[in-house]
Amino acid sequence: MKIGVVSDTHTTSFSQLPDRIVSTLTEVDLIIHTGDFVARDVLDGLKRLGEVKAVQGNMDSEELKRILPEKELLVIEGKKVGIIHGWGSPHGIDDRVGGMFEDVDIIVYGHSHHSQNEVKNGILFFNPGQAKNSFGILTIGREVRGEIINL
């Protein structure tokens, strides 16, 4: 399964997303957004492209915080995927988000605006970075592969 991963879009309109992100997301099986949409129009626009799984971020509107969970756990192709926004300083954020899930194969998060595609203690920590600079593709099958795409 090919998954497009976006975070920290920080925009009030779907039309403000970079064209490369939008065109790539039309070609994936699932879209994951790890929060800080800021406005509902971004979520609605992504849903017009395909299936979306999303969590709330600290900068999201009260409306988004009412409709989106703080964290999500998915099973994709037999792999357990934890999704969370994150909080606090970029330093040590993978330890903080890692502590929010038990027995997962992948943790997808955002908040820090710094991309990460690194396996630690058998868990892939995947952060696509801030959407104005980068996004990510996760390919989940027999093996898991992450790719950060810089804009």
Protein backbone atom coordinates (compact mmCIF):
# COMPACT_ATOMS: atom_id res chain seq x y z
CA MET A 1 0.00 0.00 0.00
CA LYS A 2 1.27 3.45 -0.94
CA ILE A 3 0.52 6.17 1.62
CA GLY A 4 1.02 9.91 1.22
CA VAL A 5 1.99 11.59 4.49
CA VAL A 6 1.58 15.30 5.15
CA SER A 7 1.94 17.39 8.28
CA ASP A 8 1.92 20.96 9.49
CA THR A 9 0.21 22.44 6.44
CA HIS A 10 -0.49 25.63 8.45
CA THR A 11 -2.85 27.11 5.89
CA THR A 12 -6.46 28.22 5.81
CA SER A 13 -7.15 26.95 2.30
CA PHE A 14 -6.57 23.68 0.47
CA SER A 15 -5.66 25.73 -2.63
CA GLN A 16 -2.56 26.98 -0.81
CA LEU A 17 -0.97 23.51 -0.64
CA PRO A 18 2.03 23.02 -2.93
CA ASP A 19 1.01 21.61 -6.32
CA ARG A 20 3.53 18.76 -6.07
CA ILE A 21 1.92 17.52 -2.86
CA VAL A 22 -1.58 17.64 -4.33
CA SER A 23 -0.59 15.86 -7.55
CA THR A 24 1.29 13.14 -5.65
CA LEU A 25 -1.60 12.57 -3.24
CA THR A 26 -3.92 11.79 -6.16
CA GLU A 27 -1.76 8.69 -6.82
CA VAL A 28 -1.73 7.10 -3.34
CA ASP A 29 -4.00 4.54 -1.67
CA LEU A 30 -4.30 6.49 1.60
CA ILE A 31 -3.47 9.98 2.86
CA ILE A 32 -2.26 10.52 6.43
CA HIS A 33 -2.17 14.04 7.90
CA THR A 34 -0.52 14.35 11.31
CA GLY A 35 -2.15 17.60 12.35
CA ASP A 36 -1.81 21.35 12.21
CA PHE A 37 -4.09 21.70 9.23
CA VAL A 38 -5.22 24.98 10.88
CA ALA A 39 -8.53 25.09 8.96
CA ARG A 40 -11.21 22.58 7.95
CA ASP A 41 -10.91 23.48 4.23
CA VAL A 42 -7.54 21.67 4.08
CA LEU A 43 -9.04 18.46 5.49
CA ASP A 44 -12.04 18.69 3.18
CA GLY A 45 -9.77 19.23 0.16
CA LEU A 46 -7.66 16.20 1.03
CA LYS A 47 -10.81 14.09 1.37
CA ARG A 48 -11.73 15.02 -2.21
CA LEU A 49 -8.43 13.39 -3.29
CA GLY A 50 -8.96 10.09 -1.48
CA GLU A 51 -9.27 8.34 1.87
CA VAL A 52 -7.79 10.36 4.73
CA LYS A 53 -6.73 9.34 8.23
CA ALA A 54 -5.84 12.34 10.37
CA VAL A 55 -5.19 13.53 13.90
CA GLN A 56 -5.42 16.97 15.44
CA GLY A 57 -2.48 19.28 16.01
CA ASN A 58 -1.93 22.01 18.56
CA MET A 59 -2.58 24.79 16.00
CA ASP A 60 -5.83 23.34 14.65
CA SER A 61 -9.17 25.13 14.93
CA GLU A 62 -11.59 24.18 17.70
CA GLU A 63 -13.79 22.61 15.01
CA LEU A 64 -10.97 20.29 13.89
CA LYS A 65 -10.13 19.43 17.49
CA ARG A 66 -13.75 18.34 17.98
CA ILE A 67 -13.79 16.02 14.95
CA LEU A 68 -10.23 14.63 14.91
CA PRO A 69 -8.67 12.31 17.50
CA GLU A 70 -5.44 13.12 19.33
CA LYS A 71 -3.96 9.84 18.15
CA GLU A 72 -4.92 6.96 15.89
CA LEU A 73 -3.83 3.34 15.56
CA LEU A 74 -4.20 1.62 12.19
CA VAL A 75 -3.31 -1.85 10.97
CA ILE A 76 -2.13 -1.73 7.35
CA GLU A 77 -0.91 -4.86 5.58
CA GLY A 78 -0.42 -6.44 9.01
CA LYS A 79 1.73 -3.56 10.31
CA LYS A 80 0.61 -1.49 13.29
CA VAL A 81 0.82 2.23 12.54
CA GLY A 82 0.50 4.85 15.29
CA ILE A 83 -0.38 8.40 14.21
CA ILE A 84 0.05 11.43 16.48
CA HIS A 85 0.95 15.10 16.08
CA GLY A 86 3.53 15.51 18.85
CA TRP A 87 4.32 18.32 21.25
CA GLY A 88 7.14 20.27 22.87
CA SER A 89 10.66 20.82 21.66
CA PRO A 90 11.94 19.01 18.57
CA HIS A 91 14.68 17.58 20.82
CA GLY A 92 13.50 14.20 22.12
CA ILE A 93 10.16 14.30 20.32
CA ASP A 94 10.54 10.76 18.97
CA ASP A 95 10.91 9.49 22.55
CA ARG A 96 7.76 11.38 23.61
CA VAL A 97 5.61 10.17 20.70
CA GLY A 98 7.08 6.69 21.01
CA GLY A 99 5.83 6.52 24.59
CA MET A 100 2.25 7.05 23.42
CA PHE A 101 2.02 3.67 21.63
CA GLU A 102 2.71 0.06 22.57
CA ASP A 103 3.69 -2.69 20.17
CA VAL A 104 3.73 -0.69 16.91
CA ASP A 105 5.81 -1.06 13.78
CA ILE A 106 5.59 2.57 12.59
CA ILE A 107 4.96 5.91 14.30
CA VAL A 108 3.92 8.73 12.00
CA TYR A 109 4.08 12.18 13.57
CA GLY A 110 4.64 15.87 12.89
CA HIS A 111 4.94 19.05 14.99
CA SER A 112 8.72 19.50 14.85
CA HIS A 113 8.77 20.69 11.20
CA HIS A 114 11.85 18.44 10.79
CA SER A 115 11.57 15.36 8.62
CA GLN A 116 12.61 11.97 9.97
CA ASN A 117 12.75 8.53 8.37
CA GLU A 118 14.62 6.41 10.88
CA VAL A 119 14.27 3.00 12.50
CA LYS A 120 14.87 2.99 16.26
CA ASN A 121 14.47 -0.14 18.35
CA GLY A 122 12.65 -1.83 15.48
CA ILE A 123 10.11 1.01 15.01
CA LEU A 124 10.10 3.31 11.98
CA PHE A 125 9.75 6.92 13.13
CA PHE A 126 8.39 8.84 10.17
CA ASN A 127 7.86 12.60 10.13
CA PRO A 128 7.25 14.18 6.72
CA GLY A 129 8.35 17.64 7.91
CA GLN A 130 6.42 20.87 7.34
CA ALA A 131 4.32 20.73 4.15
CA LYS A 132 5.78 23.91 2.66
CA ASN A 133 9.19 22.16 2.64
CA SER A 134 8.56 18.42 2.38
CA PHE A 135 6.13 15.52 2.55
CA GLY A 136 6.47 11.76 2.62
CA ILE A 137 5.56 8.47 1.02
CA LEU A 138 5.24 5.30 3.08
CA THR A 139 5.09 2.01 1.23
CA ILE A 140 3.79 -0.81 3.39
CA GLY A 141 3.84 -4.39 2.20
CA ARG A 142 5.97 -7.32 3.23
CA GLU A 143 8.53 -4.65 4.08
CA VAL A 144 8.11 -1.02 5.08
CA ARG A 145 9.84 1.79 3.23
CA GLY A 146 9.68 5.51 3.92
CA GLU A 147 10.69 8.32 1.59
CA ILE A 148 10.93 12.05 2.32
CA ILE A 149 10.28 14.27 -0.69
CA ASN A 150 11.81 17.74 -0.39
CA LEU A 151 10.11 20.59 -2.22
